[in-house]
């Protein structure tokens, strides 16, 4: 079949994996996918569904306009090995809500344009684990989730009170969340939930109502995280919002832990969990590892500190200490600094001549109520570390940087920070192995890796 087209159609292929089925079929970057089994591909929903068959007929348009109809026999889980121009194979959809707690509405002016884009695209829930409100999708999209059995779907619930949810999302159509969750439950779709907790709005009795409502959907609703609202200093003209103090955080923890005991007795899982921030703000001991049900909600800051502590202990147990002399500095948010100090002290038990200066960075850019490391800017690091004792290297967590890049939220680069502070900077990933080795190796990246050969980084198999 050789047909010419006057304008591009289909989906542009930008890369072909070596050794993949697509390479065997002689597909190349610049080709376009037109259809699978006679079905035009609208977006990633369609693509993922149709390539799940064992026999495919795919229609490809080559760069010169010639069309190839290819027959493929494959295993059900085998991918074709194609990368497309757009990961969604469609335009990104922005959020139509005006949530009273939205962090993007609290951003200062003059930052890069992409930071102001509000996404609530259901397809990103499956591709990247994003949480969505279920209010920014068409009826067709919702039906496709059920038809294609796409899972897991991560839902920003916030409250199951219909009137309150409409108020919190500033969307008069937001009150039907329980009906939608019920439909997903009946279809056997795996779900996870999230609550951004706002003092005086969805806490107290409303939180009890929401947890109780969502617990009815166990086991298909596998987890529920509760995270505190983030409030910056840029809230002029926005809904009046306060943050949780130590006493308020303790009340939330007590409330959630009471639900955990009840739900565990009935279902064998703890289900609902408070984020690490609540425990740190309340000055409470973190839950034991088995109360996190396999760390399902790590991306929401639930269990990150506990997991890091467990991993650091495991890594150190597999190492022999010595008298190496190392002096480094470590910058973090004010929230986690006390735990990092504990971890450094554990390292020093085996490596007594390791010196680590820990600097909790005050968030002057967004306001002092923002205490997490992921929202620290380059300019705050620069201002507060200038003239401090930094040792031979500065360590920063990777969450401070834009994913895959060396740029902070305020567009200052790691290179610019190195130049300003006159010190090499190491970007440290979140795992315990990286944390320990980044400190004790301090630039000598081959010195102790062989001592931890038996250590395997945590893998959350429940999220696959």
Protein backbone atom coordinates (compact mmCIF):
# COMPACT_ATOMS: atom_id res chain seq x y z
CA UNK A 1 0.00 0.00 0.00
CA UNK A 2 1.60 3.30 -1.07
CA UNK A 3 -0.38 6.42 -0.32
CA UNK A 4 0.87 9.98 -0.14
CA UNK A 5 -0.48 12.49 2.31
CA UNK A 6 -0.23 16.23 1.95
CA UNK A 7 0.08 16.92 5.68
CA UNK A 8 1.38 14.96 8.68
CA UNK A 9 -1.10 12.65 10.40
CA UNK A 10 -0.85 10.15 13.22
CA UNK A 11 1.80 10.24 15.93
CA UNK A 12 5.44 11.09 15.26
CA UNK A 13 7.97 8.47 16.39
CA UNK A 14 11.06 10.13 17.86
CA UNK A 15 13.02 7.06 19.05
CA UNK A 16 13.12 3.29 18.54
CA UNK A 17 14.54 1.08 21.30
CA UNK A 18 17.51 -1.09 20.26
CA UNK A 19 16.54 -4.76 19.99
CA UNK A 20 12.82 -3.98 20.15
CA UNK A 21 10.02 -5.27 17.95
CA UNK A 22 9.88 -1.87 16.29
CA UNK A 23 13.56 -2.11 15.32
CA UNK A 24 12.97 -5.61 13.92
CA UNK A 25 10.19 -4.12 11.77
CA UNK A 26 12.66 -1.48 10.52
CA UNK A 27 10.75 1.42 12.03
CA UNK A 28 12.74 4.63 12.40
CA UNK A 29 12.54 8.04 14.04
CA UNK A 30 10.51 10.25 11.74
CA UNK A 31 7.94 7.54 10.97
CA UNK A 32 4.34 8.05 12.09
CA UNK A 33 1.94 5.63 13.75
CA UNK A 34 -1.44 5.87 12.00
CA UNK A 35 -3.50 3.00 13.43
CA UNK A 36 -3.45 -0.30 15.33
CA UNK A 37 -5.82 -3.07 14.19
CA UNK A 38 -7.71 -0.51 12.17
CA UNK A 39 -8.24 1.77 15.18
CA UNK A 40 -7.06 5.36 14.98
CA UNK A 41 -4.98 6.14 18.08
CA UNK A 42 -6.27 9.17 19.94
CA UNK A 43 -3.82 9.19 22.83
CA UNK A 44 -1.81 7.04 25.23
CA UNK A 45 -5.01 5.44 26.59
CA UNK A 46 -5.75 3.93 23.18
CA UNK A 47 -2.13 3.01 22.47
CA UNK A 48 -1.57 1.13 25.74
CA UNK A 49 -4.84 -0.74 25.35
CA UNK A 50 -4.38 -1.88 21.74
CA UNK A 51 -0.75 -3.00 22.03
CA UNK A 52 -1.81 -5.44 24.76
CA UNK A 53 -2.95 -7.99 22.16
CA UNK A 54 -0.73 -10.85 21.01
CA UNK A 55 -1.37 -10.18 17.31
CA UNK A 56 -1.28 -6.65 15.93
CA UNK A 57 -1.63 -4.97 12.57
CA UNK A 58 -0.05 -1.55 12.76
CA UNK A 59 -0.26 1.06 10.04
CA UNK A 60 2.87 3.19 9.71
CA UNK A 61 3.55 6.19 7.50
CA UNK A 62 7.22 6.42 6.57
CA UNK A 63 9.03 9.74 6.39
CA UNK A 64 8.62 9.81 2.59
CA UNK A 65 4.84 9.33 2.86
CA UNK A 66 4.76 5.62 2.00
CA UNK A 67 2.44 3.53 4.20
CA UNK A 68 3.38 0.14 5.65
CA UNK A 69 0.88 -2.29 7.12
CA UNK A 70 2.87 -4.51 9.49
CA UNK A 71 1.80 -7.75 11.20
CA UNK A 72 3.29 -8.39 14.64
CA UNK A 73 3.11 -11.46 16.89
CA UNK A 74 4.13 -10.67 20.46
CA UNK A 75 3.74 -11.53 24.13
CA UNK A 76 0.82 -9.74 25.84
CA UNK A 77 3.12 -7.62 28.06
CA UNK A 78 5.74 -6.96 25.38
CA UNK A 79 6.17 -3.33 24.35
CA UNK A 80 6.79 -2.24 20.78
CA UNK A 81 9.76 -0.09 21.80
CA UNK A 82 8.49 3.21 20.43
CA UNK A 83 8.92 6.71 21.86
CA UNK A 84 6.62 9.42 20.58
CA UNK A 85 6.96 13.18 20.24
CA UNK A 86 4.52 13.67 23.11
CA UNK A 87 4.34 11.23 26.02
CA UNK A 88 0.55 11.55 26.14
CA UNK A 89 0.26 11.34 22.34
CA UNK A 90 -2.05 14.35 22.75
CA UNK A 91 -2.08 17.86 24.17
CA UNK A 92 -1.73 18.23 27.94
CA UNK A 93 -4.98 19.24 29.62
CA UNK A 94 -4.96 21.96 32.24
CA UNK A 95 -7.01 22.02 35.42
CA UNK A 96 -10.31 23.88 35.45
CA UNK A 97 -10.61 23.94 39.24
CA UNK A 98 -9.72 26.89 41.44
CA UNK A 99 -8.83 24.99 44.60
CA UNK A 100 -8.63 27.12 47.74
CA UNK A 101 -5.35 25.38 48.65
CA UNK A 102 -3.72 25.35 45.20
CA UNK A 103 0.03 25.88 45.53
CA UNK A 104 0.39 27.28 42.01
CA UNK A 105 -1.92 30.17 42.88
CA UNK A 106 0.55 31.00 45.67
CA UNK A 107 3.56 31.33 43.37
CA UNK A 108 5.27 34.71 43.01
CA UNK A 109 5.16 36.45 39.62
CA UNK A 110 8.04 36.38 37.17
CA UNK A 111 8.95 32.68 37.30
CA UNK A 112 9.21 30.45 34.23
CA UNK A 113 5.91 29.84 32.48
CA UNK A 114 5.84 26.07 32.99
CA UNK A 115 5.63 26.52 36.77
CA UNK A 116 2.20 28.13 36.41
CA UNK A 117 0.65 25.28 34.40
CA UNK A 118 -2.01 23.42 36.40
CA UNK A 119 -2.32 19.85 35.23
CA UNK A 120 -5.17 17.58 36.20
CA UNK A 121 -4.82 15.21 33.26
CA UNK A 122 -6.12 11.73 34.01
CA UNK A 123 -3.56 10.15 31.69
CA UNK A 124 -0.70 11.44 33.85
CA UNK A 125 -2.11 9.45 36.75
CA UNK A 126 -1.19 6.24 34.94
CA UNK A 127 2.02 7.46 33.33
CA UNK A 128 3.59 9.40 36.19
CA UNK A 129 1.51 8.66 39.28
CA UNK A 130 -0.04 12.15 39.40
CA UNK A 131 -3.10 12.67 41.58
CA UNK A 132 -6.22 13.90 39.79
CA UNK A 133 -9.56 15.24 40.99
CA UNK A 134 -11.71 13.37 38.40
CA UNK A 135 -13.35 16.73 37.58
CA UNK A 136 -11.29 17.55 34.48
CA UNK A 137 -12.09 14.56 32.31
CA UNK A 138 -14.85 13.89 29.83
CA UNK A 139 -17.42 11.14 30.26
CA UNK A 140 -15.68 9.38 27.38
CA UNK A 141 -12.32 9.45 29.22
CA UNK A 142 -13.92 8.06 32.37
CA UNK A 143 -15.58 5.27 30.40
CA UNK A 144 -12.25 4.45 28.73
CA UNK A 145 -10.57 4.02 32.13
CA UNK A 146 -13.14 1.37 32.97
CA UNK A 147 -13.18 -0.20 29.49
CA UNK A 148 -9.39 -0.40 29.23
CA UNK A 149 -9.07 -1.26 32.95
CA UNK A 150 -6.33 1.34 33.41
CA UNK A 151 -4.80 1.21 36.86
CA UNK A 152 -3.82 2.36 39.33
CA UNK A 153 -5.63 5.68 39.32
CA UNK A 154 -4.56 8.19 41.97
CA UNK A 155 -7.39 10.43 43.16
CA UNK A 156 -7.22 13.78 44.94
CA UNK A 157 -10.31 13.35 47.07
CA UNK A 158 -9.79 15.96 49.83
CA UNK A 159 -13.33 15.44 51.12
CA UNK A 160 -16.33 13.26 50.35
CA UNK A 161 -18.79 15.90 51.55
CA UNK A 162 -20.31 17.05 48.20
CA UNK A 163 -20.96 20.66 49.24
CA UNK A 164 -17.57 21.04 50.90
CA UNK A 165 -15.74 19.53 47.91
CA UNK A 166 -17.47 21.97 45.55
CA UNK A 167 -16.33 24.79 47.84
CA UNK A 168 -12.76 23.57 48.21
CA UNK A 169 -12.30 22.98 44.47
CA UNK A 170 -14.38 26.03 43.46
CA UNK A 171 -16.18 23.75 41.02
CA UNK A 172 -19.93 23.20 41.24
CA UNK A 173 -19.54 19.83 39.50
CA UNK A 174 -17.01 18.43 41.99
CA UNK A 175 -19.48 16.89 44.43
CA UNK A 176 -19.97 13.54 42.69
CA UNK A 177 -16.59 12.03 43.64
CA UNK A 178 -18.12 9.15 45.60
CA UNK A 179 -20.28 8.15 42.63
CA UNK A 180 -17.19 8.04 40.41
CA UNK A 181 -15.15 6.09 42.94
CA UNK A 182 -18.06 3.67 43.29
CA UNK A 183 -18.05 3.10 39.51
CA UNK A 184 -14.29 2.48 39.54
CA UNK A 185 -14.69 0.13 42.50
CA UNK A 186 -17.38 -1.90 40.74
CA UNK A 187 -15.09 -2.17 37.70
CA UNK A 188 -12.27 -3.50 39.90
CA UNK A 189 -9.96 -0.53 39.21
CA UNK A 190 -7.07 -0.18 41.67
CA UNK A 191 -7.07 3.25 43.34
CA UNK A 192 -5.11 5.36 45.80
CA UNK A 193 -6.44 8.47 47.50
CA UNK A 194 -5.07 11.76 48.76
CA UNK A 195 -6.34 14.41 51.15
CA UNK A 196 -4.76 17.85 51.36
CA UNK A 197 -5.81 18.77 54.88
CA UNK A 198 -6.77 22.39 55.54
CA UNK A 199 -7.40 23.62 59.10
CA UNK A 200 -11.03 24.55 59.66
CA UNK A 201 -12.20 23.10 56.33
CA UNK A 202 -11.80 19.35 55.86
CA UNK A 203 -10.22 18.35 59.17
CA UNK A 204 -11.90 17.16 62.39
CA UNK A 205 -15.31 15.56 61.79
CA UNK A 206 -15.00 16.07 58.04
CA UNK A 207 -11.78 14.04 58.01
CA UNK A 208 -13.54 11.25 59.90
CA UNK A 209 -16.33 11.30 57.33
CA UNK A 210 -13.92 11.14 54.40
CA UNK A 211 -11.83 8.29 55.82
CA UNK A 212 -14.93 6.30 56.71
CA UNK A 213 -16.45 6.80 53.26
CA UNK A 214 -13.27 5.79 51.42
CA UNK A 215 -12.56 2.77 53.63
CA UNK A 216 -15.68 1.17 52.13
CA UNK A 217 -13.77 0.79 48.87
CA UNK A 218 -10.99 -1.40 50.29
CA UNK A 219 -9.32 -3.43 48.75
CA UNK A 220 -9.60 -1.63 45.39
CA UNK A 221 -8.86 1.64 47.19
CA UNK A 222 -5.50 0.51 48.51
CA UNK A 223 -4.20 3.55 50.38
CA UNK A 224 -5.07 7.05 51.51
CA UNK A 225 -2.55 9.76 52.38
CA UNK A 226 -3.24 12.87 54.43
CA UNK A 227 -0.85 15.76 53.82
CA UNK A 228 -0.90 19.27 55.34
CA UNK A 229 -1.73 22.25 53.15
CA UNK A 230 1.25 24.33 52.07
CA UNK A 231 0.86 28.07 52.60
CA UNK A 232 3.27 30.57 51.06
CA UNK A 233 3.52 34.31 51.68
CA UNK A 234 1.90 35.02 48.29
CA UNK A 235 -1.78 34.65 49.20
CA UNK A 236 -3.13 38.13 48.61
CA UNK A 237 -6.72 37.89 47.43
CA UNK A 238 -6.91 34.14 48.07
CA UNK A 239 -9.01 32.17 50.53
CA UNK A 240 -7.77 32.78 54.12
CA UNK A 241 -5.71 29.73 55.02
CA UNK A 242 -3.66 28.79 58.05
CA UNK A 243 -1.17 25.98 58.65
CA UNK A 244 -1.03 23.24 61.26
CA UNK A 245 0.93 23.83 64.46
CA UNK A 246 2.34 21.15 66.77
CA UNK A 247 -0.91 20.73 68.70
CA UNK A 248 -3.02 20.54 65.56
CA UNK A 249 -0.62 18.06 63.96
CA UNK A 250 -0.81 15.84 67.05
CA UNK A 251 -4.63 15.81 66.85
CA UNK A 252 -4.49 14.74 63.21
CA UNK A 253 -2.06 11.93 64.01
CA UNK A 254 -4.24 10.65 66.89
CA UNK A 255 -7.29 10.72 64.64
CA UNK A 256 -5.57 8.85 61.82
CA UNK A 257 -3.93 6.27 64.09
CA UNK A 258 -7.33 5.49 65.63
CA UNK A 259 -8.65 4.79 62.13
CA UNK A 260 -5.59 2.65 61.35
CA UNK A 261 -6.32 0.35 64.28
CA UNK A 262 -9.97 -0.02 63.28
CA UNK A 263 -9.24 -0.63 59.60
CA UNK A 264 -6.36 -2.99 60.27
CA UNK A 265 -8.59 -5.14 62.47
CA UNK A 266 -11.15 -5.36 59.64
CA UNK A 267 -8.96 -5.51 56.51
CA UNK A 268 -5.39 -6.32 57.53
CA UNK A 269 -3.98 -3.03 56.16
CA UNK A 270 -3.49 0.35 57.81
CA UNK A 271 -4.89 2.14 54.73
CA UNK A 272 -4.82 5.78 55.88
CA UNK A 273 -1.54 7.45 56.81
CA UNK A 274 -0.36 10.89 57.79
CA UNK A 275 2.57 12.33 55.89
CA UNK A 276 5.94 12.66 57.59
CA UNK A 277 5.35 16.40 57.98
CA UNK A 278 2.64 15.86 60.59
CA UNK A 279 4.91 13.66 62.73
CA UNK A 280 7.81 16.08 62.46
CA UNK A 281 5.66 19.13 63.26
CA UNK A 282 4.13 17.33 66.24
CA UNK A 283 7.51 16.10 67.50
CA UNK A 284 6.16 12.54 67.43
CA UNK A 285 8.12 9.34 66.78
CA UNK A 286 7.68 8.06 63.24
CA UNK A 287 5.57 4.91 62.76
CA UNK A 288 7.30 1.54 62.51
CA UNK A 289 8.11 0.30 59.02
CA UNK A 290 5.32 -2.28 58.83
CA UNK A 291 2.68 0.41 59.40
CA UNK A 292 3.39 1.88 55.97
CA UNK A 293 1.90 -1.11 54.10
CA UNK A 294 4.84 -1.30 51.69
CA UNK A 295 5.41 2.47 51.28
CA UNK A 296 2.65 2.91 48.70
CA UNK A 297 2.45 6.69 49.21
CA UNK A 298 6.13 7.64 49.18
CA UNK A 299 5.60 10.31 46.52
CA UNK A 300 3.26 12.10 48.91
CA UNK A 301 5.90 12.19 51.64
CA UNK A 302 4.44 9.25 53.57
CA UNK A 303 7.22 7.13 55.03
CA UNK A 304 10.14 8.79 53.26
CA UNK A 305 12.03 9.49 56.47
CA UNK A 306 11.35 6.05 57.92
CA UNK A 307 12.47 4.36 54.71
CA UNK A 308 15.65 6.45 54.59
CA UNK A 309 16.46 5.54 58.21
CA UNK A 310 15.93 1.84 57.52
CA UNK A 311 18.04 1.94 54.36
CA UNK A 312 20.88 3.83 56.03
CA UNK A 313 20.99 1.26 58.84
CA UNK A 314 21.01 -1.58 56.31
CA UNK A 315 23.80 0.01 54.28
CA UNK A 316 25.96 0.67 57.35
CA UNK A 317 25.45 -2.90 58.59
CA UNK A 318 27.14 -4.08 55.39
CA UNK A 319 30.15 -1.80 55.73
CA UNK A 320 33.39 -1.90 57.70
CA UNK A 321 34.21 1.38 59.38
CA UNK A 322 37.57 3.11 59.13
CA UNK A 323 39.40 6.34 60.03
CA UNK A 324 39.00 8.22 56.75
CA UNK A 325 38.86 11.98 57.18
CA UNK A 326 36.00 13.67 55.38
CA UNK A 327 34.44 17.08 55.86
CA UNK A 328 31.30 17.97 53.93
CA UNK A 329 28.20 20.13 54.33
CA UNK A 330 24.60 19.19 53.74
CA UNK A 331 21.78 21.62 52.95
CA UNK A 332 18.15 20.64 53.48
CA UNK A 333 14.76 22.03 54.44
CA UNK A 334 14.11 22.91 58.05
CA UNK A 335 11.59 20.07 58.40
CA UNK A 336 13.95 17.12 57.92
CA UNK A 337 17.15 18.54 59.43
CA UNK A 338 16.78 16.82 62.81
CA UNK A 339 16.46 13.41 61.16
CA UNK A 340 19.45 13.97 58.91
CA UNK A 341 21.48 14.85 61.99
CA UNK A 342 20.50 11.49 63.52
CA UNK A 343 21.58 9.68 60.35
CA UNK A 344 24.91 11.48 60.25
CA UNK A 345 25.54 10.44 63.85
CA UNK A 346 24.91 6.81 62.87
CA UNK A 347 27.46 7.16 60.08
CA UNK A 348 29.95 8.65 62.52
CA UNK A 349 29.67 5.56 64.73
CA UNK A 350 31.53 3.65 62.02
CA UNK A 351 33.41 6.54 60.47
CA UNK A 352 34.33 8.74 63.46
CA UNK A 353 36.46 11.18 61.49
CA UNK A 354 33.65 12.10 59.10
CA UNK A 355 32.43 15.64 59.74
CA UNK A 356 29.14 16.82 58.27
CA UNK A 357 27.81 20.35 58.73
CA UNK A 358 24.01 20.30 58.37
CA UNK A 359 22.35 23.55 57.34
CA UNK A 360 18.54 23.81 57.59
CA UNK A 361 17.63 26.40 54.97
CA UNK A 362 14.97 28.95 55.87
CA UNK A 363 12.59 29.48 52.95
CA UNK A 364 12.69 33.23 52.43
CA UNK A 365 11.52 32.85 48.83
CA UNK A 366 8.10 31.29 49.54
CA UNK A 367 7.87 32.14 53.23
CA UNK A 368 9.00 30.53 56.47
CA UNK A 369 5.92 28.29 56.69
CA UNK A 370 7.32 26.29 53.75
CA UNK A 371 9.83 23.92 55.34
CA UNK A 372 10.30 21.05 52.86
CA UNK A 373 13.56 20.58 50.95
CA UNK A 374 11.84 20.31 47.58
CA UNK A 375 10.86 24.00 47.60
CA UNK A 376 14.24 25.46 48.52
CA UNK A 377 15.54 27.88 45.89
CA UNK A 378 19.04 28.58 44.67
CA UNK A 379 18.97 32.15 45.94
CA UNK A 380 18.11 31.05 49.50
CA UNK A 381 20.94 28.51 49.42
CA UNK A 382 23.31 31.15 48.10
CA UNK A 383 22.38 33.75 50.71
CA UNK A 384 22.36 31.47 53.75
CA UNK A 385 25.43 29.35 52.94
CA UNK A 386 27.69 32.23 51.94
CA UNK A 387 30.53 32.42 54.46
CA UNK A 388 29.55 29.22 56.28
CA UNK A 389 31.90 26.33 56.97
CA UNK A 390 31.18 23.99 54.07
CA UNK A 391 34.10 21.57 54.10
CA UNK A 392 35.27 20.10 50.80
CA UNK A 393 31.88 19.52 49.17
CA UNK A 394 28.25 20.62 49.53
CA UNK A 395 25.54 17.96 49.29
CA UNK A 396 21.98 18.85 48.24
CA UNK A 397 19.01 16.48 47.77
CA UNK A 398 17.85 15.90 44.21
CA UNK A 399 14.30 17.02 45.10
CA UNK A 400 15.55 20.62 45.12
CA UNK A 401 16.07 20.45 41.37
CA UNK A 402 13.75 20.26 38.41
CA UNK A 403 13.46 16.61 37.35
CA UNK A 404 16.34 15.60 35.08
CA UNK A 405 17.96 19.04 35.19
CA UNK A 406 20.39 21.02 37.35
CA UNK A 407 18.05 23.99 37.82
CA UNK A 408 16.38 25.19 41.01
CA UNK A 409 12.83 26.60 41.07
CA UNK A 410 14.15 30.15 40.68
CA UNK A 411 16.19 29.17 37.57
CA UNK A 412 19.54 29.37 39.36
CA UNK A 413 21.68 26.43 38.22
CA UNK A 414 23.88 24.14 40.28
CA UNK A 415 26.86 25.57 38.40
CA UNK A 416 25.97 29.10 39.41
CA UNK A 417 25.62 28.03 43.03
CA UNK A 418 29.00 26.29 42.89
CA UNK A 419 30.59 29.44 41.52
CA UNK A 420 28.96 31.66 44.15
CA UNK A 421 29.97 29.41 47.07
CA UNK A 422 33.28 28.31 45.56
CA UNK A 423 32.68 24.64 46.38
CA UNK A 424 31.84 21.48 44.40
CA UNK A 425 28.22 20.38 44.80
CA UNK A 426 26.97 16.78 44.78
CA UNK A 427 23.30 16.08 44.07
CA UNK A 428 22.16 13.18 46.27
CA UNK A 429 19.30 10.85 45.38
CA UNK A 430 16.76 9.91 48.05
CA UNK A 431 17.94 6.37 48.86
CA UNK A 432 19.96 5.38 51.90
CA UNK A 433 22.84 3.98 49.83
CA UNK A 434 23.33 7.29 48.01
CA UNK A 435 23.05 9.23 51.26
CA UNK A 436 25.75 7.21 53.03
CA UNK A 437 28.21 6.92 50.15
CA UNK A 438 27.86 10.57 49.15
CA UNK A 439 28.95 11.58 52.64
CA UNK A 440 31.77 9.13 53.31
CA UNK A 441 33.23 9.09 49.81
CA UNK A 442 33.21 12.86 49.28
CA UNK A 443 34.39 12.76 45.69
CA UNK A 444 36.15 9.39 45.80
CA UNK A 445 33.30 7.48 44.16
CA UNK A 446 34.98 4.06 44.11
CA UNK A 447 36.23 3.78 47.66
CA UNK A 448 33.52 1.80 49.47
CA UNK A 449 30.93 0.66 46.91
CA UNK A 450 32.18 -2.90 47.05
CA UNK A 451 31.43 -3.15 50.77
CA UNK A 452 27.67 -2.99 50.19
CA UNK A 453 27.31 -5.56 47.43
CA UNK A 454 24.47 -7.33 49.21
CA UNK A 455 22.42 -4.17 49.59
CA UNK A 456 19.46 -3.87 47.22
CA UNK A 457 17.66 -0.52 47.00
CA UNK A 458 13.99 -0.62 48.01
CA UNK A 459 11.61 -1.67 45.25
CA UNK A 460 7.89 -1.13 45.78
CA UNK A 461 6.42 -4.09 43.94
CA UNK A 462 2.89 -3.14 44.98
CA UNK A 463 2.99 -0.09 42.69
CA UNK A 464 3.78 -2.05 39.51
